[in-house]
Every structure is written in structure tokens, then in C-alpha cells.
């Protein structure tokens, strides 16, 4: 086999500019309608071919599984099994994206492994074909292969590219709590939601490149907050602090507990960063920007 023996990749985090749940399906999955956006916060992965059989995963976080319970292991195994790849592979993963935070860190790492192994082993899979395999690992993986701004429907795997988020500064804050995605979805009363986000209005604002208009629709932008905010009041406190500090809009990402605020002034975002730091509201805080390159090749 040709190809490279070693590859370094960045796995980018995502936020949800809008997240709606339409219904719970018979199979227990939820039908969603979400606007996804990649941001400049990333994990680093190094993939290396080995002579010895097997998949070896090393991470910089002692509490992460290094076996088939880790999505990067699953991604590597999927391609090893399907293509009967010779030898083994070692995956060195440096995590910077907050874990269990609603930022698709694990899904993005898996996407990076699929993309990297496709190159290293010259498997010749198209982005589409990688995305079809990705959905078997997790609903967010196809989006993490595609990246940029996108509408996600179905269980999250039906994707349509959208115009990019206009230039802005994004403040990302994760409080020192973990929230289980399963807990959030199991406690979501999908049929009783009184308010749904205006996803169409958000898409219209992106078309017009109207940052203020988009941010103005974020107030009811994530239906999962109906579960997390009552359970974890700190989420609302972080949102309020960001809005008071000048955010155009603030929202929880995914199933939380990460909150992000969109600012049209870097100065205001920096001030808000200071407010959150001093108030000890969040454990991890990032000042970042939208990342609009398509796919890992981009």
C-alpha cells in the first residue's frame, strides 16, 4: 500500500446557532433541525501506521477511554475492518475542545480519523462516502467531515451547506459541570414545546449576512435549554452575563452545558471574558472566531 505513514490533523469544534427538535421517532432518536457552525477551537491528532496489528489510542486526558468506547477507536476500526488494512495504527489525541460539552469534540475527532486514514491508506473514498460511514459512528460525524455553516436535518445527518456566519468574535464558556446528552433528550418533552426557534429566519439572516438579525433570533434558539436551564441554573447565569456585557445573542450549544455569545466587537468580547473569569462562572473560556473552510481538505 502506498500513501503516507504519518499524518497530523486538526479536529474543529462546532456550535449550534439554532437547535430545534421536531419530534421523537419510533426508534427513540429525535428528528432535529439545527444550524451548525464550526469554530476555531480544535483537538490535534497524529495518526501513524504500525507494523503490529491493532489500534492504539493515546490521549492527554486520563479519564478518556482508549478502547472501543472512544469514537476515534470506532472510526479506525470501521475502516480497518471494511478494507482489511494491513498492520495497525496508533492515534495520538490531544484534546482541547471541552469534553461532553455540546461541541461535538468526539465526533470531530472521529471525522478526522476517517479523513486521515482515507488519505494515508489511499482508500479513494469521496467526502460523501466518508460521511455515509461517519453516521454509523455518530449523528454529528458527517457534519464534522463537512464543516462550515450548515443546516442539519433528520437525526443530524441530512446536511445542506449555508452561507457563512459573518465575521464576528465568539466567546465560548463551559461551566465546570458535565451534562449527559442522553439525560437531556430523555427529559425533553418534544411534543409539548411551547416555543420553537425560527430556523428559517436564521437561514434568511445568513443569506443577507445580517449578524444582528441572526443573533436577535437566538433567544429561543435551542429547545434543549428547556431541560438544562432548570437543571443547571449556571447556564442561564452565563448567558445573562454575556448579554449584559454586550453579546448580540447568547445560547447554549448542543445539549450543553457550553454557552456561546456572539459579539460584533472584539473589545466587548474581551470584557465579557474578564467578567466570566472574575465571576468564576465557567471553567473553560475561549475567545474564538467562525471557521468557514469546507471539509478537512479546505
C-alpha atoms as a PDB file:
ATOM      1  CA  UNK A   1       0.000   0.000   0.000  1.00  0.00           C
ATOM      2  CA  UNK A   2       1.206   3.494  -0.851  1.00  0.00           C
ATOM      3  CA  UNK A   3       0.208   6.614   0.984  1.00  0.00           C
ATOM      4  CA  UNK A   4       1.817   8.343   3.927  1.00  0.00           C
ATOM      5  CA  UNK A   5       2.960   6.713   7.153  1.00  0.00           C
ATOM      6  CA  UNK A   6       2.070   9.596   9.410  1.00  0.00           C
ATOM      7  CA  UNK A   7      -0.422  12.436   9.382  1.00  0.00           C
ATOM      8  CA  UNK A   8      -1.325  15.368  11.619  1.00  0.00           C
ATOM      9  CA  UNK A   9      -4.852  16.730  11.665  1.00  0.00           C
ATOM     10  CA  UNK A  10      -6.947  19.317  13.431  1.00  0.00           C
ATOM     11  CA  UNK A  11     -10.435  18.345  14.577  1.00  0.00           C
ATOM     12  CA  UNK A  12     -12.550  21.504  14.859  1.00  0.00           C
ATOM     13  CA  UNK A  13     -15.338  22.134  17.388  1.00  0.00           C
ATOM     14  CA  UNK A  14     -18.874  23.180  16.473  1.00  0.00           C
ATOM     15  CA  UNK A  15     -21.585  25.308  17.987  1.00  0.00           C
ATOM     16  CA  UNK A  16     -25.305  25.276  17.168  1.00  0.00           C
ATOM     17  CA  UNK A  17     -26.597  28.679  16.106  1.00  0.00           C
ATOM     18  CA  UNK A  18     -30.072  27.154  16.326  1.00  0.00           C
ATOM     19  CA  UNK A  19     -31.337  23.771  17.523  1.00  0.00           C
ATOM     20  CA  UNK A  20     -34.915  22.595  17.123  1.00  0.00           C
ATOM     21  CA  UNK A  21     -36.355  19.174  17.891  1.00  0.00           C
ATOM     22  CA  UNK A  22     -39.412  18.343  15.810  1.00  0.00           C
ATOM     23  CA  UNK A  23     -40.406  15.022  17.341  1.00  0.00           C
ATOM     24  CA  UNK A  24     -39.242  11.811  18.935  1.00  0.00           C
ATOM     25  CA  UNK A  25     -39.135   8.991  16.391  1.00  0.00           C
ATOM     26  CA  UNK A  26     -40.319   5.413  16.904  1.00  0.00           C
ATOM     27  CA  UNK A  27     -36.682   4.248  17.147  1.00  0.00           C
ATOM     28  CA  UNK A  28     -36.020   6.629  20.053  1.00  0.00           C
ATOM     29  CA  UNK A  29     -33.922   9.053  18.000  1.00  0.00           C
ATOM     30  CA  UNK A  30     -35.089  12.638  17.727  1.00  0.00           C
ATOM     31  CA  UNK A  31     -35.878  14.427  14.485  1.00  0.00           C
ATOM     32  CA  UNK A  32     -33.895  17.685  14.564  1.00  0.00           C
ATOM     33  CA  UNK A  33     -33.439  20.878  12.606  1.00  0.00           C
ATOM     34  CA  UNK A  34     -30.215  22.648  13.501  1.00  0.00           C
ATOM     35  CA  UNK A  35     -27.837  25.265  12.173  1.00  0.00           C
ATOM     36  CA  UNK A  36     -24.262  24.140  12.741  1.00  0.00           C
ATOM     37  CA  UNK A  37     -21.165  26.323  12.710  1.00  0.00           C
ATOM     38  CA  UNK A  38     -17.505  25.329  13.006  1.00  0.00           C
ATOM     39  CA  UNK A  39     -15.331  27.456  15.316  1.00  0.00           C
ATOM     40  CA  UNK A  40     -11.544  27.857  15.697  1.00  0.00           C
ATOM     41  CA  UNK A  41     -11.173  25.580  18.721  1.00  0.00           C
ATOM     42  CA  UNK A  42      -9.575  22.272  17.873  1.00  0.00           C
ATOM     43  CA  UNK A  43      -8.118  18.977  19.043  1.00  0.00           C
ATOM     44  CA  UNK A  44      -4.896  17.728  17.466  1.00  0.00           C
ATOM     45  CA  UNK A  45      -4.488  14.202  16.191  1.00  0.00           C
ATOM     46  CA  UNK A  46      -1.467  12.342  14.961  1.00  0.00           C
ATOM     47  CA  UNK A  47      -2.080   9.123  13.041  1.00  0.00           C
ATOM     48  CA  UNK A  48       0.770   6.720  12.442  1.00  0.00           C
ATOM     49  CA  UNK A  49       0.914   3.331  10.734  1.00  0.00           C
ATOM     50  CA  UNK A  50       2.368   0.496  12.821  1.00  0.00           C
ATOM     51  CA  UNK A  51       3.731  -2.930  11.919  1.00  0.00           C
ATOM     52  CA  UNK A  52       1.969  -4.584  14.854  1.00  0.00           C
ATOM     53  CA  UNK A  53      -1.706  -5.344  14.355  1.00  0.00           C
ATOM     54  CA  UNK A  54      -4.317  -3.408  16.290  1.00  0.00           C
ATOM     55  CA  UNK A  55      -5.463   0.094  17.055  1.00  0.00           C
ATOM     56  CA  UNK A  56      -3.666   2.039  19.768  1.00  0.00           C
ATOM     57  CA  UNK A  57      -5.215   5.246  21.131  1.00  0.00           C
ATOM     58  CA  UNK A  58      -3.352   7.621  23.454  1.00  0.00           C
ATOM     59  CA  UNK A  59      -4.890  10.812  24.845  1.00  0.00           C
ATOM     60  CA  UNK A  60      -3.748  13.636  27.117  1.00  0.00           C
ATOM     61  CA  UNK A  61      -6.784  13.170  29.388  1.00  0.00           C
ATOM     62  CA  UNK A  62      -6.522  10.279  31.836  1.00  0.00           C
ATOM     63  CA  UNK A  63     -10.308   9.806  32.086  1.00  0.00           C
ATOM     64  CA  UNK A  64     -10.980   9.231  28.374  1.00  0.00           C
ATOM     65  CA  UNK A  65     -11.436   5.622  27.242  1.00  0.00           C
ATOM     66  CA  UNK A  66      -8.643   4.355  24.979  1.00  0.00           C
ATOM     67  CA  UNK A  67     -10.643   1.373  23.683  1.00  0.00           C
ATOM     68  CA  UNK A  68     -13.750   0.804  21.520  1.00  0.00           C
ATOM     69  CA  UNK A  69     -15.718   3.196  23.762  1.00  0.00           C
ATOM     70  CA  UNK A  70     -13.743   6.051  22.202  1.00  0.00           C
ATOM     71  CA  UNK A  71     -15.150   7.344  18.903  1.00  0.00           C
ATOM     72  CA  UNK A  72     -11.675   7.618  17.334  1.00  0.00           C
ATOM     73  CA  UNK A  73     -11.148   3.914  18.018  1.00  0.00           C
ATOM     74  CA  UNK A  74     -14.550   3.143  16.447  1.00  0.00           C
ATOM     75  CA  UNK A  75     -13.691   5.201  13.353  1.00  0.00           C
ATOM     76  CA  UNK A  76     -10.328   3.466  12.882  1.00  0.00           C
ATOM     77  CA  UNK A  77     -11.874   0.030  13.433  1.00  0.00           C
ATOM     78  CA  UNK A  78     -14.624   0.713  10.901  1.00  0.00           C
ATOM     79  CA  UNK A  79     -12.102   1.361   8.111  1.00  0.00           C
ATOM     80  CA  UNK A  80      -9.661  -1.375   9.232  1.00  0.00           C
ATOM     81  CA  UNK A  81     -12.476  -3.936   9.153  1.00  0.00           C
ATOM     82  CA  UNK A  82     -14.041  -2.789   5.891  1.00  0.00           C
ATOM     83  CA  UNK A  83     -10.787  -2.584   3.931  1.00  0.00           C
ATOM     84  CA  UNK A  84      -8.798  -5.297   5.748  1.00  0.00           C
ATOM     85  CA  UNK A  85      -5.963  -2.812   6.300  1.00  0.00           C
ATOM     86  CA  UNK A  86      -2.532  -4.350   6.999  1.00  0.00           C
ATOM     87  CA  UNK A  87      -0.686  -3.770  10.266  1.00  0.00           C
ATOM     88  CA  UNK A  88      -2.061  -1.415  12.865  1.00  0.00           C
ATOM     89  CA  UNK A  89      -2.478   2.257  13.562  1.00  0.00           C
ATOM     90  CA  UNK A  90      -1.647   4.452  16.519  1.00  0.00           C
ATOM     91  CA  UNK A  91      -3.684   7.557  17.226  1.00  0.00           C
ATOM     92  CA  UNK A  92      -2.269  10.263  19.462  1.00  0.00           C
ATOM     93  CA  UNK A  93      -5.086  12.608  20.531  1.00  0.00           C
ATOM     94  CA  UNK A  94      -4.556  15.958  22.246  1.00  0.00           C
ATOM     95  CA  UNK A  95      -7.915  17.241  23.496  1.00  0.00           C
ATOM     96  CA  UNK A  96      -8.542  20.967  23.826  1.00  0.00           C
ATOM     97  CA  UNK A  97     -12.249  21.018  22.893  1.00  0.00           C
ATOM     98  CA  UNK A  98     -14.230  20.686  26.134  1.00  0.00           C
ATOM     99  CA  UNK A  99     -15.430  17.092  26.693  1.00  0.00           C
ATOM    100  CA  UNK A 100     -19.163  16.218  26.956  1.00  0.00           C
ATOM    101  CA  UNK A 101     -19.882  19.858  26.278  1.00  0.00           C
ATOM    102  CA  UNK A 102     -22.210  20.055  23.281  1.00  0.00           C
ATOM    103  CA  UNK A 103     -19.334  20.948  20.927  1.00  0.00           C
ATOM    104  CA  UNK A 104     -19.037  17.626  19.039  1.00  0.00           C
ATOM    105  CA  UNK A 105     -15.415  17.129  20.093  1.00  0.00           C
ATOM    106  CA  UNK A 106     -15.606  13.328  19.982  1.00  0.00           C
ATOM    107  CA  UNK A 107     -17.469  13.350  16.668  1.00  0.00           C
ATOM    108  CA  UNK A 108     -14.923  15.742  15.179  1.00  0.00           C
ATOM    109  CA  UNK A 109     -12.035  13.519  16.327  1.00  0.00           C
ATOM    110  CA  UNK A 110     -13.734  10.540  14.646  1.00  0.00           C
ATOM    111  CA  UNK A 111     -14.226  12.596  11.473  1.00  0.00           C
ATOM    112  CA  UNK A 112     -10.504  13.454  11.461  1.00  0.00           C
ATOM    113  CA  UNK A 113      -9.580   9.763  11.753  1.00  0.00           C
ATOM    114  CA  UNK A 114     -11.849   8.807   8.824  1.00  0.00           C
ATOM    115  CA  UNK A 115     -10.447  11.631   6.717  1.00  0.00           C
ATOM    116  CA  UNK A 116      -6.817  10.919   7.667  1.00  0.00           C
ATOM    117  CA  UNK A 117      -6.923   7.165   7.171  1.00  0.00           C
ATOM    118  CA  UNK A 118      -8.641   7.605   3.807  1.00  0.00           C
ATOM    119  CA  UNK A 119      -5.600   9.668   2.741  1.00  0.00           C
ATOM    120  CA  UNK A 120      -2.901   7.583   4.421  1.00  0.00           C
ATOM    121  CA  UNK A 121      -4.128   4.271   3.045  1.00  0.00           C
ATOM    122  CA  UNK A 122      -5.282   5.755  -0.284  1.00  0.00           C
ATOM    123  CA  UNK A 123      -8.764   4.240   0.102  1.00  0.00           C
ATOM    124  CA  UNK A 124     -10.179   6.609  -2.517  1.00  0.00           C
ATOM    125  CA  UNK A 125     -13.394   7.414  -0.610  1.00  0.00           C
ATOM    126  CA  UNK A 126     -15.161  10.663  -1.553  1.00  0.00           C
ATOM    127  CA  UNK A 127     -16.303  13.136   1.119  1.00  0.00           C
ATOM    128  CA  UNK A 128     -19.849  11.784   0.551  1.00  0.00           C
ATOM    129  CA  UNK A 129     -18.671   8.208   1.137  1.00  0.00           C
ATOM    130  CA  UNK A 130     -16.804   9.248   4.284  1.00  0.00           C
ATOM    131  CA  UNK A 131     -19.976  10.947   5.542  1.00  0.00           C
ATOM    132  CA  UNK A 132     -22.036   7.783   4.921  1.00  0.00           C
ATOM    133  CA  UNK A 133     -19.583   5.847   7.086  1.00  0.00           C
ATOM    134  CA  UNK A 134     -19.441   8.609   9.676  1.00  0.00           C
ATOM    135  CA  UNK A 135     -23.138   8.415  10.518  1.00  0.00           C
ATOM    136  CA  UNK A 136     -22.609   4.823  11.722  1.00  0.00           C
ATOM    137  CA  UNK A 137     -20.293   6.241  14.425  1.00  0.00           C
ATOM    138  CA  UNK A 138     -22.473   9.169  15.454  1.00  0.00           C
ATOM    139  CA  UNK A 139     -25.099  11.569  14.096  1.00  0.00           C
ATOM    140  CA  UNK A 140     -22.718  14.596  14.236  1.00  0.00           C
ATOM    141  CA  UNK A 141     -19.799  12.895  12.442  1.00  0.00           C
ATOM    142  CA  UNK A 142     -20.966  13.620   8.851  1.00  0.00           C
ATOM    143  CA  UNK A 143     -21.253  17.317   9.679  1.00  0.00           C
ATOM    144  CA  UNK A 144     -17.779  17.271  11.273  1.00  0.00           C
ATOM    145  CA  UNK A 145     -16.400  15.911   7.995  1.00  0.00           C
ATOM    146  CA  UNK A 146     -18.165  18.659   6.014  1.00  0.00           C
ATOM    147  CA  UNK A 147     -17.609  21.629   8.393  1.00  0.00           C
ATOM    148  CA  UNK A 148     -18.508  25.304   7.864  1.00  0.00           C
ATOM    149  CA  UNK A 149     -22.090  26.569   8.207  1.00  0.00           C
ATOM    150  CA  UNK A 150     -24.823  24.025   7.514  1.00  0.00           C
ATOM    151  CA  UNK A 151     -28.428  23.070   8.102  1.00  0.00           C
ATOM    152  CA  UNK A 152     -28.688  19.618   9.693  1.00  0.00           C
ATOM    153  CA  UNK A 153     -31.945  17.665   9.496  1.00  0.00           C
ATOM    154  CA  UNK A 154     -33.090  14.064  10.084  1.00  0.00           C
ATOM    155  CA  UNK A 155     -31.154  12.875  13.148  1.00  0.00           C
ATOM    156  CA  UNK A 156     -28.467  15.399  12.175  1.00  0.00           C
ATOM    157  CA  UNK A 157     -27.064  13.550   9.173  1.00  0.00           C
ATOM    158  CA  UNK A 158     -29.054  15.255   6.364  1.00  0.00           C
ATOM    159  CA  UNK A 159     -26.894  18.275   5.583  1.00  0.00           C
ATOM    160  CA  UNK A 160     -27.241  21.379   3.393  1.00  0.00           C
ATOM    161  CA  UNK A 161     -24.430  23.961   3.204  1.00  0.00           C
ATOM    162  CA  UNK A 162     -25.445  27.525   4.168  1.00  0.00           C
ATOM    163  CA  UNK A 163     -23.829  30.934   3.579  1.00  0.00           C
ATOM    164  CA  UNK A 164     -21.061  31.507   6.178  1.00  0.00           C
ATOM    165  CA  UNK A 165     -21.584  33.234   9.501  1.00  0.00           C
ATOM    166  CA  UNK A 166     -20.488  36.877   9.014  1.00  0.00           C
ATOM    167  CA  UNK A 167     -17.177  37.849  10.682  1.00  0.00           C
ATOM    168  CA  UNK A 168     -17.604  38.136  14.457  1.00  0.00           C
ATOM    169  CA  UNK A 169     -15.996  37.200  17.761  1.00  0.00           C
ATOM    170  CA  UNK A 170     -17.419  34.214  19.591  1.00  0.00           C
ATOM    171  CA  UNK A 171     -16.987  33.797  23.331  1.00  0.00           C
ATOM    172  CA  UNK A 172     -17.311  30.170  24.425  1.00  0.00           C
ATOM    173  CA  UNK A 173     -17.726  29.265  28.101  1.00  0.00           C
ATOM    174  CA  UNK A 174     -18.079  25.832  29.650  1.00  0.00           C
ATOM    175  CA  UNK A 175     -19.113  25.682  33.303  1.00  0.00           C
ATOM    176  CA  UNK A 176     -17.472  23.038  35.485  1.00  0.00           C
ATOM    177  CA  UNK A 177     -20.279  20.518  35.087  1.00  0.00           C
ATOM    178  CA  UNK A 178     -20.812  17.662  32.666  1.00  0.00           C
ATOM    179  CA  UNK A 179     -24.199  17.180  31.046  1.00  0.00           C
ATOM    180  CA  UNK A 180     -25.195  13.842  29.584  1.00  0.00           C
ATOM    181  CA  UNK A 181     -26.763  14.119  26.136  1.00  0.00           C
ATOM    182  CA  UNK A 182     -28.909  11.111  26.989  1.00  0.00           C
ATOM    183  CA  UNK A 183     -30.244  12.804  30.147  1.00  0.00           C
ATOM    184  CA  UNK A 184     -31.217  15.890  28.141  1.00  0.00           C
ATOM    185  CA  UNK A 185     -33.005  14.025  25.348  1.00  0.00           C
ATOM    186  CA  UNK A 186     -34.748  11.619  27.736  1.00  0.00           C
ATOM    187  CA  UNK A 187     -36.170  14.561  29.675  1.00  0.00           C
ATOM    188  CA  UNK A 188     -37.103  16.657  26.666  1.00  0.00           C
ATOM    189  CA  UNK A 189     -40.858  16.844  26.123  1.00  0.00           C
ATOM    190  CA  UNK A 190     -40.605  17.224  22.373  1.00  0.00           C
ATOM    191  CA  UNK A 191     -44.393  17.303  21.799  1.00  0.00           C
ATOM    192  CA  UNK A 192     -45.056  19.922  24.484  1.00  0.00           C
ATOM    193  CA  UNK A 193     -42.546  22.604  23.456  1.00  0.00           C
ATOM    194  CA  UNK A 194     -44.229  25.993  23.527  1.00  0.00           C
ATOM    195  CA  UNK A 195     -41.587  27.813  21.526  1.00  0.00           C
ATOM    196  CA  UNK A 196     -39.524  26.709  18.582  1.00  0.00           C
ATOM    197  CA  UNK A 197     -36.555  28.604  17.183  1.00  0.00           C
ATOM    198  CA  UNK A 198     -37.059  30.415  13.873  1.00  0.00           C
ATOM    199  CA  UNK A 199     -34.568  28.312  11.898  1.00  0.00           C
ATOM    200  CA  UNK A 200     -35.900  29.664   8.566  1.00  0.00           C
ATOM    201  CA  UNK A 201     -35.441  33.233   9.816  1.00  0.00           C
ATOM    202  CA  UNK A 202     -31.877  32.389  10.829  1.00  0.00           C
ATOM    203  CA  UNK A 203     -31.131  30.986   7.374  1.00  0.00           C
ATOM    204  CA  UNK A 204     -32.589  34.146   5.821  1.00  0.00           C
ATOM    205  CA  UNK A 205     -30.306  36.287   8.039  1.00  0.00           C
ATOM    206  CA  UNK A 206     -27.286  34.240   6.899  1.00  0.00           C
ATOM    207  CA  UNK A 207     -28.291  34.815   3.261  1.00  0.00           C
ATOM    208  CA  UNK A 208     -28.428  38.562   3.923  1.00  0.00           C
ATOM    209  CA  UNK A 209     -25.217  38.358   6.006  1.00  0.00           C
ATOM    210  CA  UNK A 210     -27.175  40.069   8.787  1.00  0.00           C
ATOM    211  CA  UNK A 211     -25.325  39.217  12.009  1.00  0.00           C
ATOM    212  CA  UNK A 212     -27.599  41.279  14.290  1.00  0.00           C
ATOM    213  CA  UNK A 213     -30.733  39.787  12.747  1.00  0.00           C
ATOM    214  CA  UNK A 214     -29.378  36.274  13.256  1.00  0.00           C
ATOM    215  CA  UNK A 215     -28.310  36.934  16.853  1.00  0.00           C
ATOM    216  CA  UNK A 216     -31.700  38.510  17.587  1.00  0.00           C
ATOM    217  CA  UNK A 217     -33.325  35.143  16.839  1.00  0.00           C
ATOM    218  CA  UNK A 218     -31.056  33.255  19.252  1.00  0.00           C
ATOM    219  CA  UNK A 219     -33.110  33.989  22.358  1.00  0.00           C
ATOM    220  CA  UNK A 220     -35.350  30.933  21.874  1.00  0.00           C
ATOM    221  CA  UNK A 221     -32.703  29.294  19.725  1.00  0.00           C
ATOM    222  CA  UNK A 222     -32.114  25.943  21.442  1.00  0.00           C
ATOM    223  CA  UNK A 223     -35.055  23.859  22.694  1.00  0.00           C
ATOM    224  CA  UNK A 224     -32.737  21.682  24.806  1.00  0.00           C
ATOM    225  CA  UNK A 225     -32.364  24.628  27.195  1.00  0.00           C
ATOM    226  CA  UNK A 226     -35.886  23.757  28.442  1.00  0.00           C
ATOM    227  CA  UNK A 227     -34.240  20.742  30.130  1.00  0.00           C
ATOM    228  CA  UNK A 228     -30.757  22.013  31.026  1.00  0.00           C
ATOM    229  CA  UNK A 229     -31.501  25.523  32.337  1.00  0.00           C
ATOM    230  CA  UNK A 230     -33.867  24.359  35.128  1.00  0.00           C
ATOM    231  CA  UNK A 231     -31.428  21.531  35.990  1.00  0.00           C
ATOM    232  CA  UNK A 232     -28.279  23.708  35.822  1.00  0.00           C
ATOM    233  CA  UNK A 233     -29.076  27.396  36.541  1.00  0.00           C
ATOM    234  CA  UNK A 234     -25.421  28.356  35.897  1.00  0.00           C
ATOM    235  CA  UNK A 235     -26.158  28.054  32.152  1.00  0.00           C
ATOM    236  CA  UNK A 236     -28.653  30.919  32.354  1.00  0.00           C
ATOM    237  CA  UNK A 237     -26.267  32.951  34.524  1.00  0.00           C
ATOM    238  CA  UNK A 238     -23.535  32.678  31.880  1.00  0.00           C
ATOM    239  CA  UNK A 239     -25.971  33.675  29.110  1.00  0.00           C
ATOM    240  CA  UNK A 240     -27.155  36.691  31.109  1.00  0.00           C
ATOM    241  CA  UNK A 241     -23.576  37.763  31.876  1.00  0.00           C
ATOM    242  CA  UNK A 242     -22.661  37.615  28.173  1.00  0.00           C
ATOM    243  CA  UNK A 243     -25.739  39.599  27.121  1.00  0.00           C
ATOM    244  CA  UNK A 244     -25.125  42.240  29.800  1.00  0.00           C
ATOM    245  CA  UNK A 245     -21.535  42.512  28.574  1.00  0.00           C
ATOM    246  CA  UNK A 246     -22.682  43.313  25.047  1.00  0.00           C
ATOM    247  CA  UNK A 247     -23.265  39.999  23.251  1.00  0.00           C
ATOM    248  CA  UNK A 248     -25.682  40.348  20.307  1.00  0.00           C
ATOM    249  CA  UNK A 249     -27.007  36.917  21.267  1.00  0.00           C
ATOM    250  CA  UNK A 250     -26.070  34.073  23.620  1.00  0.00           C
ATOM    251  CA  UNK A 251     -27.113  30.433  23.509  1.00  0.00           C
ATOM    252  CA  UNK A 252     -26.294  27.009  24.858  1.00  0.00           C
ATOM    253  CA  UNK A 253     -24.578  24.794  22.302  1.00  0.00           C
ATOM    254  CA  UNK A 254     -25.947  21.305  21.594  1.00  0.00           C
ATOM    255  CA  UNK A 255     -27.065  19.521  24.746  1.00  0.00           C
ATOM    256  CA  UNK A 256     -24.803  21.783  26.807  1.00  0.00           C
ATOM    257  CA  UNK A 257     -23.519  22.874  29.169  1.00  0.00           C
ATOM    258  CA  UNK A 258     -21.316  25.079  26.943  1.00  0.00           C
ATOM    259  CA  UNK A 259     -22.677  28.566  26.254  1.00  0.00           C
ATOM    260  CA  UNK A 260     -21.503  30.868  23.480  1.00  0.00           C
ATOM    261  CA  UNK A 261     -22.059  34.557  22.841  1.00  0.00           C
ATOM    262  CA  UNK A 262     -21.753  36.344  19.500  1.00  0.00           C
ATOM    263  CA  UNK A 263     -20.087  39.783  19.570  1.00  0.00           C
ATOM    264  CA  UNK A 264     -19.550  42.294  16.787  1.00  0.00           C
ATOM    265  CA  UNK A 265     -16.813  43.950  18.844  1.00  0.00           C
ATOM    266  CA  UNK A 266     -13.700  42.092  19.933  1.00  0.00           C
ATOM    267  CA  UNK A 267     -13.283  44.596  22.784  1.00  0.00           C
ATOM    268  CA  UNK A 268     -16.730  43.779  24.191  1.00  0.00           C
ATOM    269  CA  UNK A 269     -15.988  40.056  23.885  1.00  0.00           C
ATOM    270  CA  UNK A 270     -12.730  40.548  25.796  1.00  0.00           C
ATOM    271  CA  UNK A 271     -14.561  42.467  28.528  1.00  0.00           C
ATOM    272  CA  UNK A 272     -17.136  39.669  28.785  1.00  0.00           C
ATOM    273  CA  UNK A 273     -14.262  37.161  29.013  1.00  0.00           C
ATOM    274  CA  UNK A 274     -12.981  39.109  32.026  1.00  0.00           C
ATOM    275  CA  UNK A 275     -16.415  39.213  33.671  1.00  0.00           C
ATOM    276  CA  UNK A 276     -16.810  35.414  33.369  1.00  0.00           C
ATOM    277  CA  UNK A 277     -13.266  34.782  34.643  1.00  0.00           C
ATOM    278  CA  UNK A 278     -13.697  37.030  37.693  1.00  0.00           C
ATOM    279  CA  UNK A 279     -17.143  35.619  38.463  1.00  0.00           C
ATOM    280  CA  UNK A 280     -15.842  32.014  38.309  1.00  0.00           C
ATOM    281  CA  UNK A 281     -18.911  31.164  36.230  1.00  0.00           C
ATOM    282  CA  UNK A 282     -17.060  28.952  33.778  1.00  0.00           C
ATOM    283  CA  UNK A 283     -14.204  26.505  33.971  1.00  0.00           C
ATOM    284  CA  UNK A 284     -13.038  26.802  30.356  1.00  0.00           C
ATOM    285  CA  UNK A 285     -13.359  30.046  28.393  1.00  0.00           C
ATOM    286  CA  UNK A 286     -12.282  30.665  24.807  1.00  0.00           C
ATOM    287  CA  UNK A 287     -12.282  33.739  22.575  1.00  0.00           C
ATOM    288  CA  UNK A 288     -12.671  32.430  19.062  1.00  0.00           C
ATOM    289  CA  UNK A 289     -13.993  33.134  15.563  1.00  0.00           C
ATOM    290  CA  UNK A 290     -16.111  31.269  12.985  1.00  0.00           C
ATOM    291  CA  UNK A 291     -14.232  28.780  10.841  1.00  0.00           C
ATOM    292  CA  UNK A 292     -15.706  28.644   7.362  1.00  0.00           C
ATOM    293  CA  UNK A 293     -13.413  26.347   5.414  1.00  0.00           C
ATOM    294  CA  UNK A 294     -15.215  23.388   3.957  1.00  0.00           C
ATOM    295  CA  UNK A 295     -14.004  19.900   4.877  1.00  0.00           C
ATOM    296  CA  UNK A 296     -10.568  18.776   6.036  1.00  0.00           C
ATOM    297  CA  UNK A 297      -9.201  19.317   2.568  1.00  0.00           C
ATOM    298  CA  UNK A 298     -10.138  23.006   2.894  1.00  0.00           C
END
